[in-house]
């Protein structure tokens, strides 16, 4: 496990040197795999936290419960790592409740099924937990019939902290610029709303304060 991660981190460090790109990593653990391996992932994340690993989380088929991993993610938070879980995409509100309570998640990968439970919408909104919304992926995987029918507008209208992201772009053919373009072309949002979504992404990130400030400044300049 160590060698691939080291290679990725070295590549990202070179990218920063050559192009000024600053990145941090989330180490995901598949729900389908043993808890013991999740502990190994956490130990790896702790070892490389000073070199760019910011968070750990659960990914994969949400039909596999998250509860067996609770102690791992409590330990992650105690160690100063962030926690991000894939939840509420194919599975319903119960997967989100598990992620944000015993699962210790600070951010939710997808989370679109939060709309199935009004009480949960209010809870997630009050907690300010960001949703990593990936419209093209949701359509490609058959979870949403089309971009026009995607629940992103309802998530925003509900007062949730919505960020727009790529997911499996090699399969969807949509990079981040395309995901943002659809905010205007499909949903008809103004530049001000689009900038608000971008700012939400900055606030939801685990970037250092100075990087967030630079990004906020760039968004402001674009809007102006």
C-alpha atoms as a PDB file:
ATOM      1  CA  UNK A   1       0.000   0.000   0.000  1.00  0.00           C
ATOM      2  CA  UNK A   2       2.874   2.359   0.796  1.00  0.00           C
ATOM      3  CA  UNK A   3       4.632   2.367  -2.567  1.00  0.00           C
ATOM      4  CA  UNK A   4       1.632   3.416  -4.725  1.00  0.00           C
ATOM      5  CA  UNK A   5       0.737   6.199  -2.311  1.00  0.00           C
ATOM      6  CA  UNK A   6       4.306   7.456  -2.199  1.00  0.00           C
ATOM      7  CA  UNK A   7       4.398   7.520  -5.998  1.00  0.00           C
ATOM      8  CA  UNK A   8       1.157   9.512  -6.153  1.00  0.00           C
ATOM      9  CA  UNK A   9       2.371  12.011  -3.577  1.00  0.00           C
ATOM     10  CA  UNK A  10       5.662  12.442  -5.396  1.00  0.00           C
ATOM     11  CA  UNK A  11       3.806  13.075  -8.633  1.00  0.00           C
ATOM     12  CA  UNK A  12       1.555  15.647  -7.006  1.00  0.00           C
ATOM     13  CA  UNK A  13       4.560  17.353  -5.439  1.00  0.00           C
ATOM     14  CA  UNK A  14       6.126  17.595  -8.896  1.00  0.00           C
ATOM     15  CA  UNK A  15       2.892  19.062 -10.207  1.00  0.00           C
ATOM     16  CA  UNK A  16       3.047  21.772  -7.571  1.00  0.00           C
ATOM     17  CA  UNK A  17       6.672  22.524  -8.460  1.00  0.00           C
ATOM     18  CA  UNK A  18       5.999  22.653 -12.192  1.00  0.00           C
ATOM     19  CA  UNK A  19       2.523  24.181 -12.305  1.00  0.00           C
ATOM     20  CA  UNK A  20       1.675  25.566  -8.863  1.00  0.00           C
ATOM     21  CA  UNK A  21      -1.095  23.016  -8.301  1.00  0.00           C
ATOM     22  CA  UNK A  22      -1.833  22.320  -4.651  1.00  0.00           C
ATOM     23  CA  UNK A  23      -3.591  19.111  -3.743  1.00  0.00           C
ATOM     24  CA  UNK A  24      -4.511  16.917  -0.796  1.00  0.00           C
ATOM     25  CA  UNK A  25      -5.616  13.289  -0.796  1.00  0.00           C
ATOM     26  CA  UNK A  26      -8.492  11.308   0.655  1.00  0.00           C
ATOM     27  CA  UNK A  27      -7.693   7.636   1.208  1.00  0.00           C
ATOM     28  CA  UNK A  28     -10.877   5.662   0.589  1.00  0.00           C
ATOM     29  CA  UNK A  29     -11.651   2.228   1.931  1.00  0.00           C
ATOM     30  CA  UNK A  30     -14.206   0.045   0.181  1.00  0.00           C
ATOM     31  CA  UNK A  31     -17.134  -1.007   2.358  1.00  0.00           C
ATOM     32  CA  UNK A  32     -16.820  -4.450   0.769  1.00  0.00           C
ATOM     33  CA  UNK A  33     -13.391  -5.038   2.259  1.00  0.00           C
ATOM     34  CA  UNK A  34     -12.419  -6.108   5.805  1.00  0.00           C
ATOM     35  CA  UNK A  35     -12.301  -3.767   8.778  1.00  0.00           C
ATOM     36  CA  UNK A  36      -8.700  -4.811   9.377  1.00  0.00           C
ATOM     37  CA  UNK A  37      -7.753  -3.317   6.030  1.00  0.00           C
ATOM     38  CA  UNK A  38      -9.521  -0.081   6.985  1.00  0.00           C
ATOM     39  CA  UNK A  39      -7.271   0.121  10.041  1.00  0.00           C
ATOM     40  CA  UNK A  40      -4.281  -0.328   7.721  1.00  0.00           C
ATOM     41  CA  UNK A  41      -5.590   2.525   5.554  1.00  0.00           C
ATOM     42  CA  UNK A  42      -5.874   4.730   8.632  1.00  0.00           C
ATOM     43  CA  UNK A  43      -2.321   3.933   9.700  1.00  0.00           C
ATOM     44  CA  UNK A  44      -1.127   4.799   6.209  1.00  0.00           C
ATOM     45  CA  UNK A  45      -3.018   8.086   6.284  1.00  0.00           C
ATOM     46  CA  UNK A  46      -1.508   8.970   9.649  1.00  0.00           C
ATOM     47  CA  UNK A  47       1.978   8.205   8.360  1.00  0.00           C
ATOM     48  CA  UNK A  48       1.565  10.513   5.363  1.00  0.00           C
ATOM     49  CA  UNK A  49      -0.591  13.251   6.896  1.00  0.00           C
ATOM     50  CA  UNK A  50       2.301  15.715   6.828  1.00  0.00           C
ATOM     51  CA  UNK A  51       2.907  14.949   3.147  1.00  0.00           C
ATOM     52  CA  UNK A  52      -0.570  15.640   1.808  1.00  0.00           C
ATOM     53  CA  UNK A  53      -3.035  13.033   3.049  1.00  0.00           C
ATOM     54  CA  UNK A  54      -5.915  14.990   4.585  1.00  0.00           C
ATOM     55  CA  UNK A  55      -8.731  12.498   5.066  1.00  0.00           C
ATOM     56  CA  UNK A  56     -10.006   8.947   5.032  1.00  0.00           C
ATOM     57  CA  UNK A  57     -13.420   7.616   4.149  1.00  0.00           C
ATOM     58  CA  UNK A  58     -15.693   4.842   2.941  1.00  0.00           C
ATOM     59  CA  UNK A  59     -16.505   4.230  -0.694  1.00  0.00           C
ATOM     60  CA  UNK A  60     -18.196   1.515  -2.713  1.00  0.00           C
ATOM     61  CA  UNK A  61     -21.540  -0.258  -2.627  1.00  0.00           C
ATOM     62  CA  UNK A  62     -23.714   1.428  -0.003  1.00  0.00           C
ATOM     63  CA  UNK A  63     -25.640  -1.778   0.600  1.00  0.00           C
ATOM     64  CA  UNK A  64     -22.665  -2.793   2.744  1.00  0.00           C
ATOM     65  CA  UNK A  65     -23.164  -1.239   6.196  1.00  0.00           C
ATOM     66  CA  UNK A  66     -20.801   1.351   7.591  1.00  0.00           C
ATOM     67  CA  UNK A  67     -21.275   0.445  11.247  1.00  0.00           C
ATOM     68  CA  UNK A  68     -18.413  -2.121  11.393  1.00  0.00           C
ATOM     69  CA  UNK A  69     -15.995   0.718  10.614  1.00  0.00           C
ATOM     70  CA  UNK A  70     -17.176   3.142  13.310  1.00  0.00           C
ATOM     71  CA  UNK A  71     -14.135   2.728  15.549  1.00  0.00           C
ATOM     72  CA  UNK A  72     -11.785   3.327  12.620  1.00  0.00           C
ATOM     73  CA  UNK A  73     -13.282   6.705  11.821  1.00  0.00           C
ATOM     74  CA  UNK A  74     -13.529   7.788  15.419  1.00  0.00           C
ATOM     75  CA  UNK A  75      -9.816   7.061  15.639  1.00  0.00           C
ATOM     76  CA  UNK A  76      -9.247   9.030  12.443  1.00  0.00           C
ATOM     77  CA  UNK A  77     -10.942  12.107  13.847  1.00  0.00           C
ATOM     78  CA  UNK A  78      -9.021  11.735  17.096  1.00  0.00           C
ATOM     79  CA  UNK A  79      -5.809  11.647  15.059  1.00  0.00           C
ATOM     80  CA  UNK A  80      -6.697  14.939  13.369  1.00  0.00           C
ATOM     81  CA  UNK A  81      -7.699  13.486  10.011  1.00  0.00           C
ATOM     82  CA  UNK A  82     -10.848  14.485   8.168  1.00  0.00           C
ATOM     83  CA  UNK A  83     -13.533  11.924   7.303  1.00  0.00           C
ATOM     84  CA  UNK A  84     -15.546  11.780   4.069  1.00  0.00           C
ATOM     85  CA  UNK A  85     -18.058   9.035   3.283  1.00  0.00           C
ATOM     86  CA  UNK A  86     -19.789   8.004   0.077  1.00  0.00           C
ATOM     87  CA  UNK A  87     -23.460   7.902   1.153  1.00  0.00           C
ATOM     88  CA  UNK A  88     -26.946   8.694  -0.073  1.00  0.00           C
ATOM     89  CA  UNK A  89     -26.307   8.006  -3.739  1.00  0.00           C
ATOM     90  CA  UNK A  90     -27.801   4.579  -4.440  1.00  0.00           C
ATOM     91  CA  UNK A  91     -28.859   3.953  -0.830  1.00  0.00           C
ATOM     92  CA  UNK A  92     -31.411   6.034   1.038  1.00  0.00           C
ATOM     93  CA  UNK A  93     -31.393   8.350   4.053  1.00  0.00           C
ATOM     94  CA  UNK A  94     -30.297   5.601   6.456  1.00  0.00           C
ATOM     95  CA  UNK A  95     -26.874   5.527   4.796  1.00  0.00           C
ATOM     96  CA  UNK A  96     -26.539   9.268   5.357  1.00  0.00           C
ATOM     97  CA  UNK A  97     -27.598   9.049   8.994  1.00  0.00           C
ATOM     98  CA  UNK A  98     -25.020   6.346   9.562  1.00  0.00           C
ATOM     99  CA  UNK A  99     -22.327   8.397   7.844  1.00  0.00           C
ATOM    100  CA  UNK A 100     -22.852  11.600   9.809  1.00  0.00           C
ATOM    101  CA  UNK A 101     -23.432  10.098  13.270  1.00  0.00           C
ATOM    102  CA  UNK A 102     -21.426   6.960  14.117  1.00  0.00           C
ATOM    103  CA  UNK A 103     -19.503   7.353  10.847  1.00  0.00           C
ATOM    104  CA  UNK A 104     -18.086  10.776  11.848  1.00  0.00           C
ATOM    105  CA  UNK A 105     -18.341  12.144   8.276  1.00  0.00           C
ATOM    106  CA  UNK A 106     -17.667  15.841   7.760  1.00  0.00           C
ATOM    107  CA  UNK A 107     -18.578  15.718   4.077  1.00  0.00           C
ATOM    108  CA  UNK A 108     -20.773  13.397   2.018  1.00  0.00           C
ATOM    109  CA  UNK A 109     -19.880  11.936  -1.343  1.00  0.00           C
ATOM    110  CA  UNK A 110     -23.114  12.456  -3.320  1.00  0.00           C
ATOM    111  CA  UNK A 111     -25.794  12.604  -0.577  1.00  0.00           C
ATOM    112  CA  UNK A 112     -28.582  13.279  -3.072  1.00  0.00           C
ATOM    113  CA  UNK A 113     -30.995  10.877  -1.357  1.00  0.00           C
ATOM    114  CA  UNK A 114     -31.148  13.228   1.620  1.00  0.00           C
ATOM    115  CA  UNK A 115     -34.228  14.661  -0.105  1.00  0.00           C
ATOM    116  CA  UNK A 116     -36.125  11.466   0.733  1.00  0.00           C
ATOM    117  CA  UNK A 117     -36.330  12.541   4.383  1.00  0.00           C
ATOM    118  CA  UNK A 118     -37.369  16.083   5.321  1.00  0.00           C
ATOM    119  CA  UNK A 119     -36.084  15.777   8.877  1.00  0.00           C
ATOM    120  CA  UNK A 120     -32.720  14.652   7.596  1.00  0.00           C
ATOM    121  CA  UNK A 121     -32.579  17.596   5.176  1.00  0.00           C
ATOM    122  CA  UNK A 122     -33.034  19.939   8.133  1.00  0.00           C
ATOM    123  CA  UNK A 123     -30.388  18.107  10.155  1.00  0.00           C
ATOM    124  CA  UNK A 124     -27.771  18.053   7.406  1.00  0.00           C
ATOM    125  CA  UNK A 125     -28.466  21.707   6.622  1.00  0.00           C
ATOM    126  CA  UNK A 126     -28.165  22.743  10.274  1.00  0.00           C
ATOM    127  CA  UNK A 127     -24.884  20.867  10.609  1.00  0.00           C
ATOM    128  CA  UNK A 128     -23.549  22.501   7.448  1.00  0.00           C
ATOM    129  CA  UNK A 129     -22.371  19.178   6.040  1.00  0.00           C
ATOM    130  CA  UNK A 130     -21.357  19.634   2.400  1.00  0.00           C
ATOM    131  CA  UNK A 131     -22.661  17.388  -0.373  1.00  0.00           C
ATOM    132  CA  UNK A 132     -20.281  16.407  -3.173  1.00  0.00           C
ATOM    133  CA  UNK A 133     -22.819  16.399  -5.999  1.00  0.00           C
ATOM    134  CA  UNK A 134     -21.761  14.774  -9.290  1.00  0.00           C
ATOM    135  CA  UNK A 135     -24.567  15.204 -11.854  1.00  0.00           C
ATOM    136  CA  UNK A 136     -23.077  13.451 -14.893  1.00  0.00           C
ATOM    137  CA  UNK A 137     -22.091  10.412 -12.850  1.00  0.00           C
ATOM    138  CA  UNK A 138     -25.555  10.115 -11.333  1.00  0.00           C
ATOM    139  CA  UNK A 139     -27.072  10.071 -14.809  1.00  0.00           C
ATOM    140  CA  UNK A 140     -24.523   7.644 -16.258  1.00  0.00           C
ATOM    141  CA  UNK A 141     -25.107   5.182 -13.408  1.00  0.00           C
ATOM    142  CA  UNK A 142     -28.885   5.363 -13.866  1.00  0.00           C
ATOM    143  CA  UNK A 143     -29.586   6.962 -10.497  1.00  0.00           C
ATOM    144  CA  UNK A 144     -31.131  10.036 -12.137  1.00  0.00           C
ATOM    145  CA  UNK A 145     -33.001   9.866 -15.468  1.00  0.00           C
ATOM    146  CA  UNK A 146     -31.318  12.908 -17.043  1.00  0.00           C
ATOM    147  CA  UNK A 147     -29.401  16.069 -16.219  1.00  0.00           C
ATOM    148  CA  UNK A 148     -32.604  18.068 -16.550  1.00  0.00           C
ATOM    149  CA  UNK A 149     -34.209  15.893 -13.872  1.00  0.00           C
ATOM    150  CA  UNK A 150     -31.241  15.962 -11.519  1.00  0.00           C
ATOM    151  CA  UNK A 151     -32.162  16.990  -7.947  1.00  0.00           C
ATOM    152  CA  UNK A 152     -29.380  19.586  -7.694  1.00  0.00           C
ATOM    153  CA  UNK A 153     -31.823  22.538  -7.844  1.00  0.00           C
ATOM    154  CA  UNK A 154     -33.945  20.990  -5.084  1.00  0.00           C
ATOM    155  CA  UNK A 155     -30.850  20.462  -2.952  1.00  0.00           C
ATOM    156  CA  UNK A 156     -29.950  24.134  -3.324  1.00  0.00           C
ATOM    157  CA  UNK A 157     -33.525  25.258  -2.697  1.00  0.00           C
ATOM    158  CA  UNK A 158     -33.528  23.196   0.508  1.00  0.00           C
ATOM    159  CA  UNK A 159     -30.663  25.286   1.850  1.00  0.00           C
ATOM    160  CA  UNK A 160     -28.090  22.489   1.718  1.00  0.00           C
ATOM    161  CA  UNK A 161     -24.395  23.161   1.187  1.00  0.00           C
ATOM    162  CA  UNK A 162     -24.035  21.915  -2.391  1.00  0.00           C
ATOM    163  CA  UNK A 163     -20.703  21.545  -4.175  1.00  0.00           C
ATOM    164  CA  UNK A 164     -20.310  20.419  -7.779  1.00  0.00           C
ATOM    165  CA  UNK A 165     -17.720  17.798  -8.601  1.00  0.00           C
ATOM    166  CA  UNK A 166     -16.482  15.320 -11.161  1.00  0.00           C
ATOM    167  CA  UNK A 167     -16.845  11.591 -10.621  1.00  0.00           C
ATOM    168  CA  UNK A 168     -15.437   8.939 -12.969  1.00  0.00           C
ATOM    169  CA  UNK A 169     -14.783  11.627 -15.646  1.00  0.00           C
ATOM    170  CA  UNK A 170     -13.048   9.077 -17.868  1.00  0.00           C
ATOM    171  CA  UNK A 171     -16.433   7.355 -18.167  1.00  0.00           C
ATOM    172  CA  UNK A 172     -18.765  10.355 -18.151  1.00  0.00           C
ATOM    173  CA  UNK A 173     -16.606  12.465 -20.463  1.00  0.00           C
ATOM    174  CA  UNK A 174     -17.336  15.454 -18.219  1.00  0.00           C
ATOM    175  CA  UNK A 175     -14.583  17.349 -16.450  1.00  0.00           C
ATOM    176  CA  UNK A 176     -15.206  19.978 -13.819  1.00  0.00           C
ATOM    177  CA  UNK A 177     -15.647  22.769 -16.370  1.00  0.00           C
ATOM    178  CA  UNK A 178     -18.419  20.761 -18.038  1.00  0.00           C
ATOM    179  CA  UNK A 179     -20.138  20.096 -14.720  1.00  0.00           C
ATOM    180  CA  UNK A 180     -20.149  23.847 -14.054  1.00  0.00           C
ATOM    181  CA  UNK A 181     -21.274  24.664 -17.602  1.00  0.00           C
ATOM    182  CA  UNK A 182     -24.415  22.642 -17.001  1.00  0.00           C
ATOM    183  CA  UNK A 183     -25.303  24.862 -14.048  1.00  0.00           C
ATOM    184  CA  UNK A 184     -26.006  27.522 -16.654  1.00  0.00           C
ATOM    185  CA  UNK A 185     -27.033  25.462 -19.680  1.00  0.00           C
ATOM    186  CA  UNK A 186     -29.262  22.883 -17.974  1.00  0.00           C
ATOM    187  CA  UNK A 187     -30.406  24.602 -14.788  1.00  0.00           C
ATOM    188  CA  UNK A 188     -30.362  28.210 -15.981  1.00  0.00           C
ATOM    189  CA  UNK A 189     -28.380  29.583 -13.060  1.00  0.00           C
ATOM    190  CA  UNK A 190     -26.871  33.054 -13.120  1.00  0.00           C
ATOM    191  CA  UNK A 191     -23.191  33.781 -12.660  1.00  0.00           C
ATOM    192  CA  UNK A 192     -23.915  34.841  -9.071  1.00  0.00           C
ATOM    193  CA  UNK A 193     -25.451  31.453  -8.235  1.00  0.00           C
ATOM    194  CA  UNK A 194     -22.634  29.610  -9.995  1.00  0.00           C
ATOM    195  CA  UNK A 195     -20.088  31.622  -8.018  1.00  0.00           C
ATOM    196  CA  UNK A 196     -21.967  30.714  -4.844  1.00  0.00           C
ATOM    197  CA  UNK A 197     -21.660  27.022  -5.664  1.00  0.00           C
ATOM    198  CA  UNK A 198     -17.940  27.472  -6.336  1.00  0.00           C
ATOM    199  CA  UNK A 199     -17.516  29.263  -3.015  1.00  0.00           C
ATOM    200  CA  UNK A 200     -19.310  26.412  -1.286  1.00  0.00           C
ATOM    201  CA  UNK A 201     -16.719  24.077  -2.769  1.00  0.00           C
ATOM    202  CA  UNK A 202     -13.931  26.206  -1.356  1.00  0.00           C
ATOM    203  CA  UNK A 203     -15.503  26.292   2.102  1.00  0.00           C
ATOM    204  CA  UNK A 204     -16.061  22.537   2.019  1.00  0.00           C
ATOM    205  CA  UNK A 205     -12.461  21.808   1.058  1.00  0.00           C
ATOM    206  CA  UNK A 206      -9.711  20.778   3.430  1.00  0.00           C
ATOM    207  CA  UNK A 207      -7.307  23.262   1.857  1.00  0.00           C
ATOM    208  CA  UNK A 208      -5.190  25.537   4.049  1.00  0.00           C
ATOM    209  CA  UNK A 209      -6.686  28.922   4.873  1.00  0.00           C
ATOM    210  CA  UNK A 210      -4.376  30.798   2.514  1.00  0.00           C
ATOM    211  CA  UNK A 211      -5.359  28.565  -0.404  1.00  0.00           C
ATOM    212  CA  UNK A 212      -9.049  29.019   0.345  1.00  0.00           C
ATOM    213  CA  UNK A 213      -8.522  32.784   0.441  1.00  0.00           C
ATOM    214  CA  UNK A 214      -6.786  32.702  -2.957  1.00  0.00           C
ATOM    215  CA  UNK A 215      -9.605  30.643  -4.451  1.00  0.00           C
ATOM    216  CA  UNK A 216     -12.265  32.943  -3.000  1.00  0.00           C
ATOM    217  CA  UNK A 217     -10.426  35.905  -4.494  1.00  0.00           C
ATOM    218  CA  UNK A 218     -10.318  34.219  -7.888  1.00  0.00           C
ATOM    219  CA  UNK A 219     -14.025  33.502  -7.802  1.00  0.00           C
ATOM    220  CA  UNK A 220     -14.727  37.122  -6.911  1.00  0.00           C
ATOM    221  CA  UNK A 221     -12.577  38.326  -9.797  1.00  0.00           C
ATOM    222  CA  UNK A 222     -14.412  35.975 -12.207  1.00  0.00           C
ATOM    223  CA  UNK A 223     -17.792  37.218 -11.031  1.00  0.00           C
ATOM    224  CA  UNK A 224     -16.743  40.852 -11.343  1.00  0.00           C
END
